[in-house]
Protein backbone atom coordinates (compact mmCIF):
# COMPACT_ATOMS: atom_id res chain seq x y z
CA MET A 1 -39.08 192.90 203.71
CA GLU A 2 -39.17 191.64 207.03
CA THR A 3 -40.99 188.30 206.50
CA ALA A 4 -37.98 187.71 203.46
CA LEU A 5 -35.40 188.24 206.39
CA SER A 6 -36.93 186.38 208.98
CA GLU A 7 -37.73 183.56 206.40
CA ARG A 8 -34.29 183.14 204.86
CA ARG A 9 -33.17 182.90 208.83
CA SER A 10 -35.40 180.68 210.20
CA ASN A 11 -34.53 176.60 210.15
CA ALA A 12 -37.71 175.69 207.91
CA GLY A 13 -36.72 171.86 206.17
CA PHE A 14 -34.13 171.38 208.24
CA GLU A 15 -36.08 168.18 210.03
CA GLU A 16 -36.46 167.20 206.92
CA PHE A 17 -32.91 167.71 206.03
CA ILE A 18 -31.89 165.42 209.51
CA GLY A 19 -34.50 163.65 209.42
CA ILE A 20 -33.14 161.92 205.49
CA PHE A 21 -30.13 161.34 207.15
CA VAL A 22 -31.61 159.18 209.97
CA ALA A 23 -33.73 157.52 208.11
CA ALA A 24 -30.74 156.35 205.88
CA GLY A 25 -28.96 154.83 208.97
CA LYS A 26 -26.26 157.30 209.18
CA PRO A 27 -25.13 157.80 212.78
CA LEU A 28 -25.00 161.17 214.07
CA ASN A 29 -24.30 163.03 217.21
CA ALA A 30 -25.14 166.51 218.64
CA GLY A 31 -22.37 168.06 217.39
CA ASP A 32 -23.47 166.66 213.82
CA VAL A 33 -26.41 168.24 213.77
CA ALA A 34 -25.22 171.47 216.02
CA ALA A 35 -22.88 172.23 212.69
CA ALA A 36 -25.65 172.21 210.22
CA GLN A 37 -27.86 173.83 212.16
CA VAL A 38 -25.32 176.94 211.87
CA LEU A 39 -25.46 176.49 208.08
CA TRP A 40 -28.44 176.07 207.60
CA PRO A 41 -30.04 179.46 207.39
CA LEU A 42 -27.30 181.10 205.84
CA LEU A 43 -28.64 179.16 202.37
CA SER A 44 -31.17 180.60 200.42
CA PHE A 45 -34.94 179.35 200.01
CA GLU A 46 -33.56 177.51 196.96
CA ASP A 47 -30.32 176.19 198.00
CA ARG A 48 -32.65 174.18 200.66
CA ARG A 49 -34.42 172.68 198.60
CA LEU A 50 -32.13 171.78 196.13
CA ALA A 51 -30.23 170.35 199.08
CA ILE A 52 -33.11 168.66 200.17
CA PHE A 53 -33.50 166.82 197.08
CA ALA A 54 -29.74 166.45 196.36
CA ILE A 55 -28.93 164.20 199.99
CA GLU A 56 -32.27 162.30 199.63
CA LYS A 57 -30.90 161.24 196.46
CA GLN A 58 -27.17 160.33 197.08
CA LEU A 59 -28.19 158.70 200.10
CA ARG A 60 -30.50 156.74 198.48
CA ALA A 61 -28.12 155.41 196.00
CA THR A 62 -25.08 154.89 199.19
CA GLU A 63 -25.10 151.60 200.27
CA SER A 64 -23.53 151.89 203.23
CA PRO A 65 -23.41 154.08 206.43
CA ALA A 66 -20.00 154.84 206.73
CA PHE A 67 -20.00 156.50 203.11
CA MET A 68 -22.15 158.86 203.66
CA PRO A 69 -21.38 162.48 204.23
CA LEU A 70 -22.26 164.54 207.29
CA PRO A 71 -24.58 166.73 207.24
CA ALA A 72 -22.38 170.02 207.77
CA ASN A 73 -20.21 168.59 205.36
CA PHE A 74 -22.34 168.36 203.07
CA LEU A 75 -23.96 171.77 203.13
CA ARG A 76 -20.40 173.10 203.39
CA ALA A 77 -19.21 171.28 200.29
CA LYS A 78 -22.78 172.41 198.51
CA SER A 79 -22.07 169.70 195.74
CA TRP A 80 -25.87 170.17 194.63
CA THR A 81 -24.44 173.43 192.64
CA ARG A 82 -22.06 171.55 190.58
CA THR A 83 -21.74 169.58 187.07
CA ALA A 84 -20.08 167.22 185.60
CA PRO A 85 -19.39 167.60 181.67
CA PRO A 86 -20.22 164.25 180.09
CA ARG A 87 -17.89 161.58 180.07
CA THR A 88 -15.53 161.25 177.42
CA LEU A 89 -12.95 158.16 178.80
CA PRO A 90 -14.74 154.37 178.68
CA TYR A 91 -15.88 152.76 181.25
CA ASP A 92 -14.39 149.58 181.80
CA LYS A 93 -16.31 147.12 183.34
CA PRO A 94 -14.73 145.37 186.83
CA SER A 95 -15.19 142.01 185.16
CA LYS A 96 -13.37 143.19 182.16
CA ILE A 97 -10.24 144.04 184.23
CA ILE A 98 -10.03 141.09 186.37
CA ASP A 99 -10.06 138.77 182.67
CA ARG A 100 -6.86 141.72 181.59
CA LEU A 101 -5.26 140.83 185.03
CA GLU A 102 -6.14 136.58 184.72
CA LYS A 103 -4.41 136.84 181.24
CA ALA A 104 -1.65 138.94 182.37
CA TRP A 105 -0.92 136.53 185.68
CA GLN A 106 -0.73 133.82 182.92
CA TYR A 107 1.47 134.86 180.66
CA LEU A 108 3.95 135.64 184.02
CA LYS A 109 3.41 132.38 184.77
CA ASP A 110 4.16 130.54 181.29
CA GLU A 111 6.98 133.05 181.07
CA GLY A 112 8.59 131.68 184.35
CA VAL A 113 8.27 135.24 186.25
CA ALA A 114 5.71 133.96 188.30
């Protein structure tokens, strides 16, 4: 019993979690790290494992550090617990949208509006 409680309150895995942000190039300060360090022991062992997996996946897919979450915000949001339903709206590639805008612009020019 004591072991489970002390494991829950420990910071096991926290260095790995913060290290992922550092390796991804996210600028952090002492306040960012301290806020995350307060939240980390409140997570279950499974949530910690899933958080590390989720942030590594997210940061690998994020191109710019400006779009990366701060560690404490990521832990508060618990994004690893959310599941999205399958996509039902059609996805228009940006090139198709540009083509439609160009056609609309040409139409307005032909009509003398633009």
